[in-house]
């Protein structure tokens, strides 16, 4: 309508910025890099929240050949560039022992400012 614009973003195969094309009956316009697909560090199971389930998901992946995370960077809770038990412990310490929150991007979602080999789908 004249005061509100609602958009749906399709699933993406990468993390990063995309152009946005907006159109209505009056015309259209585009915004370069108007939307950014990002991730939340610590959200290993990709359910949009960081909780105990993320630590369990990580342990399952690391030690029982559970499903791989869609975003390895999200499981890398301490942002050291490696996926290890330390990441699961980091999440648990944050949740239950007053530990530091995961490094950015963490609420809100965003891009990884560190250059490591981990990626996201």
C-alpha atoms as a PDB file:
ATOM      1  CA  UNK A   1       0.000   0.000   0.000  1.00  0.00           C
ATOM      2  CA  UNK A   2       1.057   3.650   0.189  1.00  0.00           C
ATOM      3  CA  UNK A   3       2.707   3.359   3.616  1.00  0.00           C
ATOM      4  CA  UNK A   4       4.041  -0.182   3.925  1.00  0.00           C
ATOM      5  CA  UNK A   5       6.046  -2.490   1.744  1.00  0.00           C
ATOM      6  CA  UNK A   6       6.259  -6.207   2.465  1.00  0.00           C
ATOM      7  CA  UNK A   7       8.978  -8.323   0.906  1.00  0.00           C
ATOM      8  CA  UNK A   8       9.737 -12.010   0.904  1.00  0.00           C
ATOM      9  CA  UNK A   9      13.290 -13.140   0.485  1.00  0.00           C
ATOM     10  CA  UNK A  10      13.836 -16.515  -1.147  1.00  0.00           C
ATOM     11  CA  UNK A  11      16.376 -18.931   0.339  1.00  0.00           C
ATOM     12  CA  UNK A  12      19.890 -18.027  -0.650  1.00  0.00           C
ATOM     13  CA  UNK A  13      22.854 -20.205  -1.479  1.00  0.00           C
ATOM     14  CA  UNK A  14      25.340 -17.705  -0.058  1.00  0.00           C
ATOM     15  CA  UNK A  15      25.936 -15.155   2.663  1.00  0.00           C
ATOM     16  CA  UNK A  16      26.216 -11.588   1.420  1.00  0.00           C
ATOM     17  CA  UNK A  17      24.378  -8.623  -0.006  1.00  0.00           C
ATOM     18  CA  UNK A  18      21.944  -8.712  -2.907  1.00  0.00           C
ATOM     19  CA  UNK A  19      20.190  -6.040  -4.902  1.00  0.00           C
ATOM     20  CA  UNK A  20      16.490  -5.522  -4.207  1.00  0.00           C
ATOM     21  CA  UNK A  21      13.923  -4.666  -6.871  1.00  0.00           C
ATOM     22  CA  UNK A  22      10.751  -3.068  -5.553  1.00  0.00           C
ATOM     23  CA  UNK A  23       7.700  -2.519  -7.709  1.00  0.00           C
ATOM     24  CA  UNK A  24       4.037  -1.653  -7.365  1.00  0.00           C
ATOM     25  CA  UNK A  25       1.308  -0.195  -9.569  1.00  0.00           C
ATOM     26  CA  UNK A  26       3.084   3.181  -9.624  1.00  0.00           C
ATOM     27  CA  UNK A  27       6.442   1.911 -10.856  1.00  0.00           C
ATOM     28  CA  UNK A  28       9.604   0.231  -9.699  1.00  0.00           C
ATOM     29  CA  UNK A  29      13.032   0.995  -8.308  1.00  0.00           C
ATOM     30  CA  UNK A  30      16.062  -0.984  -7.236  1.00  0.00           C
ATOM     31  CA  UNK A  31      18.336  -0.698  -4.232  1.00  0.00           C
ATOM     32  CA  UNK A  32      21.909  -1.880  -4.732  1.00  0.00           C
ATOM     33  CA  UNK A  33      22.938  -4.199  -1.865  1.00  0.00           C
ATOM     34  CA  UNK A  34      19.514  -3.567  -0.333  1.00  0.00           C
ATOM     35  CA  UNK A  35      19.356  -6.827   1.618  1.00  0.00           C
ATOM     36  CA  UNK A  36      22.042  -8.867   3.341  1.00  0.00           C
ATOM     37  CA  UNK A  37      21.791 -12.587   3.951  1.00  0.00           C
ATOM     38  CA  UNK A  38      23.648 -13.227   7.171  1.00  0.00           C
ATOM     39  CA  UNK A  39      23.950 -15.639  10.068  1.00  0.00           C
ATOM     40  CA  UNK A  40      23.938 -15.549  13.857  1.00  0.00           C
ATOM     41  CA  UNK A  41      27.077 -16.908  15.474  1.00  0.00           C
ATOM     42  CA  UNK A  42      26.193 -19.742  17.844  1.00  0.00           C
ATOM     43  CA  UNK A  43      22.977 -20.690  16.004  1.00  0.00           C
ATOM     44  CA  UNK A  44      24.383 -24.036  14.843  1.00  0.00           C
ATOM     45  CA  UNK A  45      21.023 -25.643  14.072  1.00  0.00           C
ATOM     46  CA  UNK A  46      19.763 -22.598  12.152  1.00  0.00           C
ATOM     47  CA  UNK A  47      16.500 -22.171  14.083  1.00  0.00           C
ATOM     48  CA  UNK A  48      16.982 -18.429  14.644  1.00  0.00           C
ATOM     49  CA  UNK A  49      17.844 -18.699  18.344  1.00  0.00           C
ATOM     50  CA  UNK A  50      20.950 -19.564  20.345  1.00  0.00           C
ATOM     51  CA  UNK A  51      20.105 -22.134  23.004  1.00  0.00           C
ATOM     52  CA  UNK A  52      21.179 -25.497  24.402  1.00  0.00           C
ATOM     53  CA  UNK A  53      19.957 -27.222  21.240  1.00  0.00           C
ATOM     54  CA  UNK A  54      22.785 -25.532  19.323  1.00  0.00           C
ATOM     55  CA  UNK A  55      25.449 -26.983  21.619  1.00  0.00           C
ATOM     56  CA  UNK A  56      23.838 -30.424  21.339  1.00  0.00           C
ATOM     57  CA  UNK A  57      23.642 -30.077  17.552  1.00  0.00           C
ATOM     58  CA  UNK A  58      27.349 -29.241  17.469  1.00  0.00           C
ATOM     59  CA  UNK A  59      28.280 -32.180  19.693  1.00  0.00           C
ATOM     60  CA  UNK A  60      26.187 -34.500  17.525  1.00  0.00           C
ATOM     61  CA  UNK A  61      27.953 -33.240  14.397  1.00  0.00           C
ATOM     62  CA  UNK A  62      31.434 -33.404  15.887  1.00  0.00           C
ATOM     63  CA  UNK A  63      31.241 -36.753  17.655  1.00  0.00           C
ATOM     64  CA  UNK A  64      28.458 -38.934  16.209  1.00  0.00           C
ATOM     65  CA  UNK A  65      28.494 -37.927  12.538  1.00  0.00           C
ATOM     66  CA  UNK A  66      25.253 -36.005  12.899  1.00  0.00           C
ATOM     67  CA  UNK A  67      24.106 -33.648  10.156  1.00  0.00           C
ATOM     68  CA  UNK A  68      26.526 -30.928   9.108  1.00  0.00           C
ATOM     69  CA  UNK A  69      25.463 -27.385   9.958  1.00  0.00           C
ATOM     70  CA  UNK A  70      24.159 -25.334   7.054  1.00  0.00           C
ATOM     71  CA  UNK A  71      26.504 -22.616   8.294  1.00  0.00           C
ATOM     72  CA  UNK A  72      29.829 -23.770   9.712  1.00  0.00           C
ATOM     73  CA  UNK A  73      30.551 -20.193  10.763  1.00  0.00           C
ATOM     74  CA  UNK A  74      27.481 -20.266  13.005  1.00  0.00           C
ATOM     75  CA  UNK A  75      28.783 -23.352  14.834  1.00  0.00           C
ATOM     76  CA  UNK A  76      32.170 -21.624  15.286  1.00  0.00           C
ATOM     77  CA  UNK A  77      30.827 -19.916  18.421  1.00  0.00           C
ATOM     78  CA  UNK A  78      34.210 -18.638  19.621  1.00  0.00           C
ATOM     79  CA  UNK A  79      35.220 -17.481  16.100  1.00  0.00           C
ATOM     80  CA  UNK A  80      38.634 -19.163  16.129  1.00  0.00           C
ATOM     81  CA  UNK A  81      38.178 -20.592  12.630  1.00  0.00           C
ATOM     82  CA  UNK A  82      37.950 -24.225  13.798  1.00  0.00           C
ATOM     83  CA  UNK A  83      34.996 -26.437  14.667  1.00  0.00           C
ATOM     84  CA  UNK A  84      35.765 -28.123  17.983  1.00  0.00           C
ATOM     85  CA  UNK A  85      34.185 -29.038  21.305  1.00  0.00           C
ATOM     86  CA  UNK A  86      35.319 -25.609  22.527  1.00  0.00           C
ATOM     87  CA  UNK A  87      32.547 -24.057  20.418  1.00  0.00           C
ATOM     88  CA  UNK A  88      29.866 -26.132  22.160  1.00  0.00           C
ATOM     89  CA  UNK A  89      31.365 -25.297  25.558  1.00  0.00           C
ATOM     90  CA  UNK A  90      31.382 -21.607  24.599  1.00  0.00           C
ATOM     91  CA  UNK A  91      27.646 -21.733  23.876  1.00  0.00           C
ATOM     92  CA  UNK A  92      26.933 -23.529  27.163  1.00  0.00           C
ATOM     93  CA  UNK A  93      29.086 -21.079  29.155  1.00  0.00           C
ATOM     94  CA  UNK A  94      27.268 -18.146  27.549  1.00  0.00           C
ATOM     95  CA  UNK A  95      23.849 -19.629  28.303  1.00  0.00           C
ATOM     96  CA  UNK A  96      24.380 -20.946  31.821  1.00  0.00           C
ATOM     97  CA  UNK A  97      27.554 -19.539  33.360  1.00  0.00           C
ATOM     98  CA  UNK A  98      27.563 -15.837  32.476  1.00  0.00           C
ATOM     99  CA  UNK A  99      30.078 -16.284  29.679  1.00  0.00           C
ATOM    100  CA  UNK A 100      30.551 -13.713  26.945  1.00  0.00           C
ATOM    101  CA  UNK A 101      28.114 -13.720  24.050  1.00  0.00           C
ATOM    102  CA  UNK A 102      29.485 -15.051  20.789  1.00  0.00           C
ATOM    103  CA  UNK A 103      31.445 -12.553  18.669  1.00  0.00           C
ATOM    104  CA  UNK A 104      29.705 -10.709  15.837  1.00  0.00           C
ATOM    105  CA  UNK A 105      27.595 -11.414  13.996  1.00  0.00           C
ATOM    106  CA  UNK A 106      25.419 -12.136  16.991  1.00  0.00           C
ATOM    107  CA  UNK A 107      21.945 -10.662  17.277  1.00  0.00           C
ATOM    108  CA  UNK A 108      21.518  -9.164  14.798  1.00  0.00           C
ATOM    109  CA  UNK A 109      22.534 -11.508  12.037  1.00  0.00           C
ATOM    110  CA  UNK A 110      25.227 -10.325   9.705  1.00  0.00           C
ATOM    111  CA  UNK A 111      28.430 -11.139   7.904  1.00  0.00           C
ATOM    112  CA  UNK A 112      31.596 -12.610   9.408  1.00  0.00           C
ATOM    113  CA  UNK A 113      34.173  -9.822   9.785  1.00  0.00           C
ATOM    114  CA  UNK A 114      37.016 -12.340  10.217  1.00  0.00           C
ATOM    115  CA  UNK A 115      38.626 -14.119   7.330  1.00  0.00           C
ATOM    116  CA  UNK A 116      38.455 -17.832   8.043  1.00  0.00           C
ATOM    117  CA  UNK A 117      37.851 -20.811   5.762  1.00  0.00           C
ATOM    118  CA  UNK A 118      34.443 -21.641   7.255  1.00  0.00           C
ATOM    119  CA  UNK A 119      31.394 -20.856   5.206  1.00  0.00           C
ATOM    120  CA  UNK A 120      27.627 -20.950   5.025  1.00  0.00           C
ATOM    121  CA  UNK A 121      25.076 -22.274   2.583  1.00  0.00           C
END
